Amino acid sequence: MAKVFLSAGHGGNDSGEAAYDLKEKNIYLQILLACKNELKRHGVKVYTSRTKDENDPVGEEVREANKSGATVAVSFHSNAGK
């Protein structure tokens, strides 16, 4: 069975980038959850860094990803720019 680890950028008191009443932490959590559901529908075992709005330090995400034994890790994140 294929195993995938999904990570959503930021969370909790760290909103990431924000504009037009949108917050990075919320956008990528929704994308993560949608991807999780679709992957599971296709028989993929999915591990996630978080499934709700909570603090999610990068170091903890790395430990979770390594512990999961997933062969693929995907992190949903964006950077601000002009």
C-alpha atoms as a PDB file:
ATOM      1  CA  MET A   1       0.000   0.000   0.000  1.00  0.00           C
ATOM      2  CA  ALA A   2       1.286   3.462  -0.885  1.00  0.00           C
ATOM      3  CA  LYS A   3       1.926   5.804   2.052  1.00  0.00           C
ATOM      4  CA  VAL A   4       1.883   9.607   1.823  1.00  0.00           C
ATOM      5  CA  PHE A   5       2.553  12.259   4.470  1.00  0.00           C
ATOM      6  CA  LEU A   6       0.785  15.616   4.016  1.00  0.00           C
ATOM      7  CA  SER A   7       1.733  18.815   5.816  1.00  0.00           C
ATOM      8  CA  ALA A   8      -0.156  22.117   5.919  1.00  0.00           C
ATOM      9  CA  GLY A   9       1.907  25.256   6.413  1.00  0.00           C
ATOM     10  CA  HIS A  10       1.584  27.257   9.628  1.00  0.00           C
ATOM     11  CA  GLY A  11      -1.297  26.886  12.101  1.00  0.00           C
ATOM     12  CA  GLY A  12      -2.463  28.069  15.505  1.00  0.00           C
ATOM     13  CA  ASN A  13      -1.078  31.496  16.360  1.00  0.00           C
ATOM     14  CA  ASP A  14       1.045  31.496  13.168  1.00  0.00           C
ATOM     15  CA  SER A  15      -1.308  32.405  10.312  1.00  0.00           C
ATOM     16  CA  GLY A  16       1.382  32.624   7.648  1.00  0.00           C
ATOM     17  CA  GLU A  17       0.636  35.126   4.919  1.00  0.00           C
ATOM     18  CA  ALA A  18      -2.734  36.879   4.934  1.00  0.00           C
ATOM     19  CA  ALA A  19      -4.589  39.040   2.440  1.00  0.00           C
ATOM     20  CA  TYR A  20      -8.208  39.787   1.565  1.00  0.00           C
ATOM     21  CA  ASP A  21      -9.427  38.059   4.761  1.00  0.00           C
ATOM     22  CA  LEU A  22      -7.643  34.846   3.701  1.00  0.00           C
ATOM     23  CA  LYS A  23      -5.000  33.169   5.856  1.00  0.00           C
ATOM     24  CA  GLU A  24      -2.388  30.769   4.561  1.00  0.00           C
ATOM     25  CA  LYS A  25      -2.895  28.381   7.486  1.00  0.00           C
ATOM     26  CA  ASN A  26      -6.597  27.960   6.629  1.00  0.00           C
ATOM     27  CA  ILE A  27      -6.183  27.673   2.864  1.00  0.00           C
ATOM     28  CA  TYR A  28      -3.575  24.932   3.063  1.00  0.00           C
ATOM     29  CA  LEU A  29      -5.393  23.014   5.777  1.00  0.00           C
ATOM     30  CA  GLN A  30      -8.444  22.815   3.496  1.00  0.00           C
ATOM     31  CA  ILE A  31      -6.256  21.708   0.576  1.00  0.00           C
ATOM     32  CA  LEU A  32      -4.580  19.088   2.784  1.00  0.00           C
ATOM     33  CA  LEU A  33      -7.943  17.680   3.906  1.00  0.00           C
ATOM     34  CA  ALA A  34      -9.265  17.533   0.329  1.00  0.00           C
ATOM     35  CA  CYS A  35      -6.110  15.764  -0.871  1.00  0.00           C
ATOM     36  CA  LYS A  36      -6.275  13.363   2.073  1.00  0.00           C
ATOM     37  CA  ASN A  37      -9.838  12.389   1.184  1.00  0.00           C
ATOM     38  CA  GLU A  38      -9.014  11.894  -2.495  1.00  0.00           C
ATOM     39  CA  LEU A  39      -5.890   9.849  -1.797  1.00  0.00           C
ATOM     40  CA  LYS A  40      -7.756   7.647   0.692  1.00  0.00           C
ATOM     41  CA  ARG A  41     -10.482   7.116  -1.905  1.00  0.00           C
ATOM     42  CA  HIS A  42      -7.776   5.591  -4.107  1.00  0.00           C
ATOM     43  CA  GLY A  43      -6.469   3.286  -1.392  1.00  0.00           C
ATOM     44  CA  VAL A  44      -3.481   5.355  -0.282  1.00  0.00           C
ATOM     45  CA  LYS A  45      -2.549   5.335   3.418  1.00  0.00           C
ATOM     46  CA  VAL A  46      -2.362   9.024   4.401  1.00  0.00           C
ATOM     47  CA  TYR A  47      -0.644  10.585   7.402  1.00  0.00           C
ATOM     48  CA  THR A  48      -1.044  14.293   8.181  1.00  0.00           C
ATOM     49  CA  SER A  49       0.782  16.902  10.212  1.00  0.00           C
ATOM     50  CA  ARG A  50      -2.537  18.297  11.433  1.00  0.00           C
ATOM     51  CA  THR A  51      -6.268  18.076  10.777  1.00  0.00           C
ATOM     52  CA  LYS A  52      -7.326  21.228  12.649  1.00  0.00           C
ATOM     53  CA  ASP A  53      -6.002  24.720  13.352  1.00  0.00           C
ATOM     54  CA  GLU A  54      -3.176  24.149  15.831  1.00  0.00           C
ATOM     55  CA  ASN A  55       0.470  25.130  16.272  1.00  0.00           C
ATOM     56  CA  ASP A  56       2.541  22.862  14.069  1.00  0.00           C
ATOM     57  CA  PRO A  57       6.317  23.419  14.416  1.00  0.00           C
ATOM     58  CA  VAL A  58       8.368  22.334  11.401  1.00  0.00           C
ATOM     59  CA  GLY A  59      10.637  20.130  13.533  1.00  0.00           C
ATOM     60  CA  GLU A  60       7.628  18.170  14.779  1.00  0.00           C
ATOM     61  CA  GLU A  61       6.337  17.768  11.224  1.00  0.00           C
ATOM     62  CA  VAL A  62       9.674  16.280  10.164  1.00  0.00           C
ATOM     63  CA  ARG A  63       9.630  13.817  13.082  1.00  0.00           C
ATOM     64  CA  GLU A  64       6.041  12.816  12.242  1.00  0.00           C
ATOM     65  CA  ALA A  65       6.874  12.364   8.555  1.00  0.00           C
ATOM     66  CA  ASN A  66       9.895  10.205   9.326  1.00  0.00           C
ATOM     67  CA  LYS A  67       7.962   8.134  11.879  1.00  0.00           C
ATOM     68  CA  SER A  68       5.096   7.524   9.429  1.00  0.00           C
ATOM     69  CA  GLY A  69       7.264   5.535   7.031  1.00  0.00           C
ATOM     70  CA  ALA A  70       5.663   7.344   4.094  1.00  0.00           C
ATOM     71  CA  THR A  71       7.498   7.137   0.786  1.00  0.00           C
ATOM     72  CA  VAL A  72       6.260  10.580  -0.283  1.00  0.00           C
ATOM     73  CA  ALA A  73       5.935  13.767   1.789  1.00  0.00           C
ATOM     74  CA  VAL A  74       4.117  16.848   0.484  1.00  0.00           C
ATOM     75  CA  SER A  75       4.114  20.200   2.267  1.00  0.00           C
ATOM     76  CA  PHE A  76       1.514  22.787   1.262  1.00  0.00           C
ATOM     77  CA  HIS A  77       3.045  26.231   1.714  1.00  0.00           C
ATOM     78  CA  SER A  78       3.487  29.514  -0.081  1.00  0.00           C
ATOM     79  CA  ASN A  79       5.691  32.563   0.265  1.00  0.00           C
ATOM     80  CA  ALA A  80       4.794  36.209   0.025  1.00  0.00           C
ATOM     81  CA  GLY A  81       6.260  38.208  -2.776  1.00  0.00           C
ATOM     82  CA  LYS A  82       5.687  41.073  -5.132  1.00  0.00           C
END
